[in-house]
Amino acid sequence: MADHMASRQPVIELRGAGLTYPGPPPVVALSPCDLRVWPGEFVSVVGPSGAGKSSLLNIIGLLDATTEGNYLLDGRDTAALGEPQRTALRGRNIGFVFQAFHLLPHRTAWENVELGLLHGGTPRNERRAAAREALVRVGLEHRLRAMPTTLSGGERQRVAIARAVAGRPSLLLCDEPTGNLDSATAASVLSLLDELHRGGMTVVVITHDSTVAEHGKRVLTIRDGVLTERVAA
């Protein structure tokens, strides 16, 4: 890691972190691993189905706790937190983008993004402006009042990304973000993620698609629960 990063705090730090589901027999979903993701990095995690990608995402996203080792998010040891504290930290610090868009069908794009700010600590009087700013940022200023049923798949994913970044999280965590999109639309969404990264956003994309993974400046591979790293081409 470059010297200038030595004085900075990682966004994600796994220290011997592992996840084993109790048996019988016990199932090792993620073998103990070490990982640091620094502010402003774009990291991809690629692997086949059943490799452990979901387990890694659940740990990083504070949806599951490690059964060994430690996970520090923005320097905070999450093992010491109770569930309400984990939920609050997740809402403030992590923006999620999923394969399914998870938009409320009877709310406008603007309202969907604004509602996403309810649990992130954004003051009530700032939510509407923050939601609009996020939609402008992803190129949807002209679709603020559109209902999800009138949006294309790519536009719906852009609304989902706007919702994820509106609260200015320290981490954008994407799970198969192009899985429901055709290749041209997927390329457009990946271009948006590249743009957000260039703007300083820390991005982690979990995917089975090596083409998607190549957008990462660092590429991690997970197989049989074992996380390894290679240098992106």
Protein backbone atom coordinates (compact mmCIF):
# COMPACT_ATOMS: atom_id res chain seq x y z
CA MET A 1 0.00 0.00 0.00
CA ALA A 2 1.25 3.46 -0.88
CA ASP A 3 3.00 5.44 1.83
CA HIS A 4 0.43 8.25 1.73
CA MET A 5 -2.20 5.77 2.92
CA ALA A 6 -0.23 4.85 6.02
CA SER A 7 -1.54 7.84 7.96
CA ARG A 8 -5.14 7.32 6.83
CA GLN A 9 -7.75 5.14 8.47
CA PRO A 10 -9.20 2.27 6.41
CA VAL A 11 -12.91 2.33 5.66
CA ILE A 12 -12.95 -1.48 5.94
CA GLU A 13 -10.51 -3.45 8.06
CA LEU A 14 -10.85 -7.20 8.56
CA ARG A 15 -8.45 -8.73 11.06
CA GLY A 16 -8.57 -12.51 10.93
CA ALA A 17 -12.27 -12.19 10.28
CA GLY A 18 -14.18 -15.38 9.61
CA LEU A 19 -17.73 -16.70 9.64
CA THR A 20 -18.72 -20.24 10.55
CA TYR A 21 -22.34 -21.35 10.73
CA PRO A 22 -23.02 -23.80 13.56
CA GLY A 23 -23.71 -27.45 12.73
CA PRO A 24 -23.84 -30.16 12.94
CA PRO A 25 -21.65 -30.15 11.02
CA PRO A 26 -20.31 -26.57 11.19
CA VAL A 27 -20.01 -24.83 7.81
CA VAL A 28 -17.14 -22.42 7.19
CA ALA A 29 -18.68 -19.67 5.04
CA LEU A 30 -15.65 -17.38 5.20
CA SER A 31 -12.20 -18.54 6.25
CA PRO A 32 -10.31 -16.10 8.50
CA CYS A 33 -8.96 -13.27 6.35
CA ASP A 34 -7.31 -9.87 6.53
CA LEU A 35 -8.39 -6.99 4.33
CA ARG A 36 -8.02 -3.22 4.26
CA VAL A 37 -10.03 -0.98 1.92
CA TRP A 38 -8.88 2.63 1.95
CA PRO A 39 -10.91 5.81 1.39
CA GLY A 40 -11.55 6.41 -2.30
CA GLU A 41 -10.70 2.87 -3.47
CA PHE A 42 -12.78 0.84 -5.95
CA VAL A 43 -12.53 -2.84 -4.97
CA SER A 44 -14.21 -5.76 -6.74
CA VAL A 45 -14.88 -9.16 -5.22
CA VAL A 46 -15.48 -11.88 -7.79
CA GLY A 47 -16.34 -15.54 -7.37
CA PRO A 48 -18.84 -18.21 -8.45
CA SER A 49 -22.15 -18.93 -6.73
CA GLY A 50 -21.65 -20.50 -3.32
CA ALA A 51 -18.07 -19.24 -3.04
CA GLY A 52 -18.71 -17.04 0.02
CA LYS A 53 -19.49 -13.69 -1.63
CA SER A 54 -22.77 -13.27 0.26
CA SER A 55 -21.12 -14.09 3.58
CA LEU A 56 -18.43 -11.49 2.95
CA LEU A 57 -21.03 -8.92 1.93
CA ASN A 58 -23.10 -9.64 5.04
CA ILE A 59 -20.08 -9.08 7.27
CA ILE A 60 -18.95 -5.88 5.52
CA GLY A 61 -22.54 -4.63 5.45
CA LEU A 62 -23.02 -5.34 9.19
CA LEU A 63 -25.80 -7.80 8.42
CA ASP A 64 -23.89 -10.69 10.06
CA ALA A 65 -21.29 -10.59 12.82
CA THR A 66 -17.99 -12.42 12.48
CA THR A 67 -17.62 -15.61 14.53
CA GLU A 68 -13.87 -15.01 14.80
CA GLY A 69 -11.55 -12.09 14.32
CA ASN A 70 -12.57 -8.45 14.09
CA TYR A 71 -14.25 -6.10 11.63
CA LEU A 72 -13.56 -2.38 11.94
CA LEU A 73 -15.72 0.03 9.94
CA ASP A 74 -14.22 3.51 9.76
CA GLY A 75 -12.01 2.56 12.70
CA ARG A 76 -14.87 1.38 14.90
CA ASP A 77 -14.69 -2.22 16.15
CA THR A 78 -18.13 -3.57 15.31
CA ALA A 79 -17.80 -6.60 17.61
CA ALA A 80 -18.31 -4.30 20.59
CA LEU A 81 -21.63 -2.94 19.28
CA GLY A 82 -25.13 -4.04 20.18
CA GLU A 83 -27.70 -4.52 17.42
CA PRO A 84 -29.19 -0.99 17.68
CA GLN A 85 -25.68 0.50 17.40
CA ARG A 86 -24.86 -1.76 14.42
CA THR A 87 -28.09 -0.69 12.71
CA ALA A 88 -27.32 2.99 13.28
CA LEU A 89 -23.74 2.64 12.06
CA ARG A 90 -24.92 0.76 8.97
CA GLY A 91 -27.48 3.46 8.20
CA ARG A 92 -24.94 6.28 8.48
CA ASN A 93 -21.85 4.76 6.94
CA ILE A 94 -22.97 2.26 4.26
CA GLY A 95 -25.01 2.77 1.11
CA PHE A 96 -26.34 -0.47 -0.41
CA VAL A 97 -27.08 -1.22 -4.07
CA PHE A 98 -28.63 -4.61 -4.84
CA GLN A 99 -29.42 -6.62 -7.97
CA ALA A 100 -33.13 -6.03 -7.29
CA PHE A 101 -33.84 -2.32 -7.13
CA HIS A 102 -36.13 -2.44 -4.05
CA LEU A 103 -38.02 0.72 -5.00
CA LEU A 104 -41.47 1.47 -3.59
CA PRO A 105 -43.75 1.27 -6.67
CA HIS A 106 -46.25 3.93 -5.54
CA ARG A 107 -43.62 6.55 -4.66
CA THR A 108 -41.80 8.84 -7.07
CA ALA A 109 -38.07 8.55 -7.67
CA TRP A 110 -37.61 11.65 -5.48
CA GLU A 111 -39.70 10.15 -2.67
CA ASN A 112 -37.88 6.81 -2.85
CA VAL A 113 -34.54 8.52 -2.35
CA GLU A 114 -35.90 10.81 0.36
CA LEU A 115 -37.37 7.86 2.29
CA GLY A 116 -33.99 6.15 2.12
CA LEU A 117 -32.61 8.97 4.27
CA LEU A 118 -34.96 8.29 7.18
CA HIS A 119 -32.57 5.93 8.96
CA GLY A 120 -29.28 7.58 8.02
CA GLY A 121 -29.35 10.53 10.37
CA THR A 122 -30.07 13.21 7.76
CA PRO A 123 -32.13 15.97 9.43
CA ARG A 124 -35.73 16.07 8.26
CA ASN A 125 -35.46 19.57 6.81
CA GLU A 126 -32.49 18.52 4.66
CA ARG A 127 -33.80 15.26 3.20
CA ARG A 128 -35.69 16.64 0.22
CA ALA A 129 -32.78 18.75 -1.01
CA ALA A 130 -30.31 15.88 -0.41
CA ALA A 131 -32.51 13.47 -2.37
CA ARG A 132 -32.78 15.89 -5.29
CA GLU A 133 -29.03 16.49 -5.27
CA ALA A 134 -28.38 12.73 -5.40
CA LEU A 135 -30.76 12.23 -8.33
CA VAL A 136 -29.09 15.08 -10.21
CA ARG A 137 -25.74 13.46 -9.47
CA VAL A 138 -26.82 10.22 -11.20
CA GLY A 139 -28.29 12.06 -14.19
CA LEU A 140 -31.99 11.84 -13.34
CA GLU A 141 -32.91 15.49 -12.76
CA HIS A 142 -35.56 15.12 -15.49
CA ARG A 143 -37.15 12.08 -13.78
CA LEU A 144 -37.58 13.37 -10.21
CA ARG A 145 -41.35 12.83 -10.15
CA ALA A 146 -41.43 9.67 -12.26
CA MET A 147 -42.93 6.51 -10.78
CA PRO A 148 -40.69 3.40 -10.81
CA THR A 149 -43.10 1.59 -13.18
CA THR A 150 -42.40 4.24 -15.83
CA LEU A 151 -38.61 3.97 -15.51
CA SER A 152 -36.29 1.71 -17.48
CA GLY A 153 -34.20 -0.87 -15.64
CA GLY A 154 -31.14 1.34 -15.88
CA GLU A 155 -33.05 4.35 -14.56
CA ARG A 156 -34.39 2.31 -11.65
CA GLN A 157 -30.88 1.22 -10.73
CA ARG A 158 -29.75 4.84 -10.92
CA VAL A 159 -32.52 5.77 -8.48
CA ALA A 160 -31.29 2.97 -6.22
CA ILE A 161 -27.73 4.30 -6.45
CA ALA A 162 -28.96 7.83 -5.71
CA ARG A 163 -30.75 6.49 -2.64
CA ALA A 164 -27.53 4.76 -1.54
CA VAL A 165 -25.32 7.85 -1.87
CA ALA A 166 -27.78 10.57 -0.79
CA GLY A 167 -26.72 10.33 2.85
CA ARG A 168 -23.04 10.65 1.90
CA PRO A 169 -21.94 7.28 3.32
CA SER A 170 -18.27 6.40 3.62
CA LEU A 171 -18.86 3.13 1.70
CA LEU A 172 -20.97 2.20 -1.34
CA LEU A 173 -21.52 -1.57 -1.20
CA CYS A 174 -22.92 -3.10 -4.40
CA ASP A 175 -24.20 -6.67 -4.70
CA GLU A 176 -24.47 -7.79 -8.36
CA PRO A 177 -25.55 -4.26 -9.37
CA THR A 178 -25.90 -5.17 -13.06
CA GLY A 179 -27.45 -8.61 -12.59
CA ASN A 180 -30.92 -7.57 -13.85
CA LEU A 181 -29.70 -5.38 -16.72
CA ASP A 182 -28.89 -5.93 -20.38
CA SER A 183 -25.29 -5.41 -21.41
CA ALA A 184 -25.69 -1.84 -22.72
CA THR A 185 -27.59 -0.70 -19.62
CA ALA A 186 -25.10 -2.50 -17.38
CA ALA A 187 -22.27 -0.60 -19.05
CA SER A 188 -24.07 2.66 -18.31
CA VAL A 189 -24.49 1.76 -14.61
CA LEU A 190 -20.84 0.71 -14.34
CA SER A 191 -19.82 4.01 -15.93
CA LEU A 192 -21.80 5.76 -13.18
CA LEU A 193 -20.00 3.75 -10.49
CA ASP A 194 -16.68 4.70 -12.11
CA GLU A 195 -17.75 8.35 -12.03
CA LEU A 196 -18.73 8.16 -8.34
CA HIS A 197 -15.37 6.57 -7.58
CA ARG A 198 -13.53 9.34 -9.44
CA GLY A 199 -15.49 11.76 -7.26
CA GLY A 200 -13.97 10.19 -4.14
CA MET A 201 -16.54 7.53 -3.22
CA THR A 202 -15.23 4.26 -1.72
CA VAL A 203 -16.85 1.49 -3.77
CA VAL A 204 -16.95 -2.27 -3.19
CA VAL A 205 -18.69 -4.37 -5.86
CA ILE A 206 -19.45 -8.04 -5.28
CA THR A 207 -20.12 -9.95 -8.50
CA HIS A 208 -19.81 -13.25 -10.31
CA ASP A 209 -19.08 -11.40 -13.57
CA SER A 210 -15.39 -10.92 -14.33
CA THR A 211 -16.20 -8.08 -16.77
CA VAL A 212 -17.89 -6.15 -13.95
CA ALA A 213 -15.02 -6.99 -11.61
CA GLU A 214 -12.46 -5.44 -13.95
CA HIS A 215 -13.84 -1.99 -13.12
CA GLY A 216 -12.21 -2.34 -9.71
CA LYS A 217 -8.73 -0.94 -9.23
CA ARG A 218 -8.18 -3.89 -6.89
CA VAL A 219 -9.76 -7.27 -7.58
CA LEU A 220 -10.31 -9.89 -4.89
CA THR A 221 -11.28 -13.46 -5.62
CA ILE A 222 -13.27 -15.65 -3.27
CA ARG A 223 -13.58 -19.39 -3.70
CA ASP A 224 -14.67 -21.99 -1.15
CA GLY A 225 -14.73 -19.24 1.46
CA VAL A 226 -11.08 -18.25 0.89
CA LEU A 227 -10.38 -14.62 -0.04
CA THR A 228 -7.31 -13.85 -2.17
CA GLU A 229 -6.16 -10.77 -4.06
CA ARG A 230 -4.80 -10.17 -7.52
CA VAL A 231 -3.76 -7.03 -9.35
CA ALA A 232 -6.38 -5.84 -11.82
CA ALA A 233 -5.26 -5.75 -15.44
